[in-house]
Amino acid sequence: MSNFLLFDEEFHQIKEVIGRLRTDSQAKVVFIVDKNGQQIAAQGDLEALDTTSLASLTAGNVAATDGLAKLIGEKEFPVLFHEGQRDNVYISIVDQRVILVVIFDERSSLGLVRLRVRKATQDLERIFQAIQKKVEAEKEKGDFDSPFAEITDDDIDSLFRE
């Protein structure tokens, strides 16, 4: 599920979970990225960060690490940790759908972050599974149409002609 819909209700639930994770783990920043590198939600001190680049590089890091895992016979490495002089980055795959990123410094510890991420991951998995069920239910009812369904190839061609 590389592309998915995000409903307003679940978006607010995700923001609540990552906000609580940020507070409970004493992290500087917590954010969720899809595997294509698009930021879904973020909490924390974001002013000093290029979040677009960070999201994209995080997804690339996960993809590269997945390649390494496969080379040595592992399915994946669901957790990545990068330790810096001032800041640390903890990356966790949630339900094989999204990437949870926690940036923390000396005010926290790897053990605390791991513990809090474990709980947040369970909550996020429930939310993303609920989203999937909603989408499937809407498809079954026939209420689900892509916002791009009425756009034809001719429409696209005419748009880019000039």
Protein backbone atom coordinates (compact mmCIF):
# COMPACT_ATOMS: atom_id res chain seq x y z
CA MET A 1 0.00 0.00 0.00
CA SER A 2 2.37 2.70 -1.18
CA ASN A 3 -0.43 5.16 -1.98
CA PHE A 4 -3.39 5.43 0.32
CA LEU A 5 -6.15 7.76 1.33
CA LEU A 6 -5.99 9.53 4.63
CA PHE A 7 -9.31 10.48 6.16
CA ASP A 8 -9.63 13.56 8.37
CA GLU A 9 -10.61 11.58 11.48
CA GLU A 10 -7.63 9.25 11.19
CA PHE A 11 -5.28 12.12 10.38
CA HIS A 12 -6.19 13.73 13.71
CA GLN A 13 -5.71 10.39 15.48
CA ILE A 14 -2.25 10.05 13.91
CA LYS A 15 -1.33 13.58 15.01
CA GLU A 16 -2.50 12.75 18.54
CA VAL A 17 -0.43 9.55 18.67
CA ILE A 18 2.76 11.18 17.43
CA GLY A 19 2.21 14.18 19.69
CA ARG A 20 1.91 11.88 22.68
CA LEU A 21 4.99 9.94 21.50
CA ARG A 22 6.97 13.17 21.25
CA THR A 23 6.03 14.18 24.78
CA ASP A 24 6.43 10.73 26.36
CA SER A 25 9.81 10.07 24.73
CA GLN A 26 11.07 13.64 25.25
CA ALA A 27 11.88 13.80 21.54
CA LYS A 28 12.54 16.95 19.55
CA VAL A 29 10.58 15.85 16.48
CA VAL A 30 8.35 12.94 15.50
CA PHE A 31 6.98 12.48 12.03
CA ILE A 32 5.34 9.93 9.75
CA VAL A 33 6.44 9.49 6.14
CA ASP A 34 5.04 7.21 3.47
CA LYS A 35 7.45 4.89 1.68
CA ASN A 36 7.51 7.29 -1.29
CA GLY A 37 9.01 10.00 0.92
CA GLN A 38 5.90 12.13 1.42
CA GLN A 39 5.43 13.54 4.91
CA ILE A 40 2.05 12.56 6.35
CA ALA A 41 2.17 14.22 9.77
CA ALA A 42 4.71 15.83 12.08
CA GLN A 43 4.98 17.11 15.63
CA GLY A 44 7.72 19.07 17.30
CA ASP A 45 10.33 21.71 16.61
CA LEU A 46 10.13 21.74 12.81
CA GLU A 47 11.28 25.31 12.09
CA ALA A 48 14.96 24.42 11.82
CA LEU A 49 14.37 21.37 9.62
CA ASP A 50 13.95 20.92 5.89
CA THR A 51 11.14 18.44 6.39
CA THR A 52 10.69 17.75 2.68
CA SER A 53 14.31 16.65 2.30
CA LEU A 54 14.25 14.81 5.60
CA ALA A 55 11.15 12.84 4.57
CA SER A 56 12.60 11.99 1.17
CA LEU A 57 15.99 10.97 2.54
CA THR A 58 14.37 8.88 5.25
CA ALA A 59 12.38 6.92 2.66
CA GLY A 60 15.56 6.48 0.62
CA ASN A 61 17.42 5.29 3.70
CA VAL A 62 14.72 2.71 4.41
CA ALA A 63 14.72 1.54 0.79
CA ALA A 64 18.52 1.18 0.78
CA THR A 65 18.47 -0.68 4.06
CA ASP A 66 15.76 -3.01 2.71
CA GLY A 67 18.15 -3.80 -0.13
CA LEU A 68 20.91 -4.59 2.35
CA ALA A 69 18.57 -6.82 4.34
CA LYS A 70 17.63 -8.81 1.26
CA LEU A 71 21.30 -9.25 0.32
CA ILE A 72 22.00 -10.99 3.62
CA GLY A 73 18.79 -13.02 3.61
CA GLU A 74 16.64 -10.88 5.91
CA LYS A 75 13.12 -9.79 5.00
CA GLU A 76 13.74 -6.28 6.31
CA PHE A 77 15.26 -4.28 9.13
CA PRO A 78 12.15 -2.83 10.76
CA VAL A 79 14.16 -0.48 12.99
CA LEU A 80 17.07 1.80 12.12
CA PHE A 81 19.05 3.95 14.51
CA HIS A 82 21.54 6.71 13.70
CA GLU A 83 23.58 8.20 16.53
CA GLY A 84 25.05 11.67 16.17
CA GLN A 85 27.05 13.97 18.41
CA ARG A 86 24.00 16.05 19.34
CA ASP A 87 20.96 14.38 17.82
CA ASN A 88 19.88 10.82 17.17
CA VAL A 89 17.40 9.45 14.66
CA TYR A 90 15.25 6.40 15.38
CA ILE A 91 13.34 5.03 12.39
CA SER A 92 10.67 2.35 12.60
CA ILE A 93 8.49 0.77 9.90
CA VAL A 94 4.82 0.74 10.89
CA ASP A 95 2.61 -2.02 9.50
CA GLN A 96 4.77 -2.22 6.35
CA ARG A 97 3.01 0.98 5.23
CA VAL A 98 4.66 4.03 6.71
CA ILE A 99 7.87 5.14 8.38
CA LEU A 100 7.89 6.58 11.89
CA VAL A 101 10.83 8.90 12.60
CA VAL A 102 11.87 10.14 16.04
CA ILE A 103 14.62 12.72 16.42
CA PHE A 104 15.94 13.08 19.96
CA ASP A 105 18.91 14.42 21.88
CA GLU A 106 20.54 13.94 25.28
CA ARG A 107 17.29 14.81 27.10
CA SER A 108 16.07 11.33 26.16
CA SER A 109 17.59 7.89 25.72
CA LEU A 110 17.44 5.14 23.14
CA GLY A 111 15.75 2.85 25.66
CA LEU A 112 12.98 5.35 26.40
CA VAL A 113 12.44 6.05 22.70
CA ARG A 114 12.26 2.32 21.88
CA LEU A 115 9.75 1.73 24.66
CA ARG A 116 7.50 4.62 23.64
CA VAL A 117 7.76 3.82 19.93
CA ARG A 118 6.57 0.27 20.61
CA LYS A 119 3.30 1.58 22.11
CA ALA A 120 2.85 4.26 19.46
CA THR A 121 3.44 1.70 16.70
CA GLN A 122 0.59 -0.44 18.01
CA ASP A 123 -1.72 2.57 18.02
CA LEU A 124 -0.63 3.63 14.52
CA GLU A 125 -1.07 0.11 13.15
CA ARG A 126 -4.68 0.13 14.37
CA ILE A 127 -5.28 3.50 12.70
CA PHE A 128 -3.78 2.45 9.35
CA GLN A 129 -5.71 -0.83 9.42
CA ALA A 130 -8.91 1.16 10.06
CA ILE A 131 -8.11 3.36 7.07
CA GLN A 132 -7.67 0.28 4.90
CA LYS A 133 -10.99 -1.14 6.08
CA LYS A 134 -12.75 2.17 5.32
CA VAL A 135 -11.34 2.25 1.81
CA GLU A 136 -12.33 -1.36 1.18
CA ALA A 137 -15.85 -0.76 2.54
CA GLU A 138 -16.30 2.30 0.32
CA LYS A 139 -15.06 0.37 -2.71
CA GLU A 140 -17.56 -2.43 -2.00
CA LYS A 141 -20.42 0.06 -1.69
CA GLY A 142 -19.34 1.71 -4.90
CA ASP A 143 -18.95 5.06 -3.13
CA PHE A 144 -15.24 5.20 -3.82
CA ASP A 145 -14.00 7.00 -6.89
CA SER A 146 -10.53 8.27 -7.46
CA PRO A 147 -10.42 12.07 -7.63
CA PHE A 148 -8.62 11.54 -10.94
CA ALA A 149 -11.15 9.08 -12.41
CA GLU A 150 -12.72 11.64 -14.76
CA ILE A 151 -9.38 12.85 -16.14
CA THR A 152 -8.57 11.28 -19.49
CA ASP A 153 -5.31 10.91 -21.38
CA ASP A 154 -6.58 13.56 -23.80
CA ASP A 155 -7.07 15.97 -20.88
CA ILE A 156 -3.48 15.40 -19.77
CA ASP A 157 -2.15 15.82 -23.31
CA SER A 158 -4.03 19.07 -23.81
CA LEU A 159 -2.80 20.39 -20.47
CA PHE A 160 0.86 19.90 -21.41
CA ARG A 161 0.61 20.95 -25.06
CA GLU A 162 1.26 24.62 -24.42
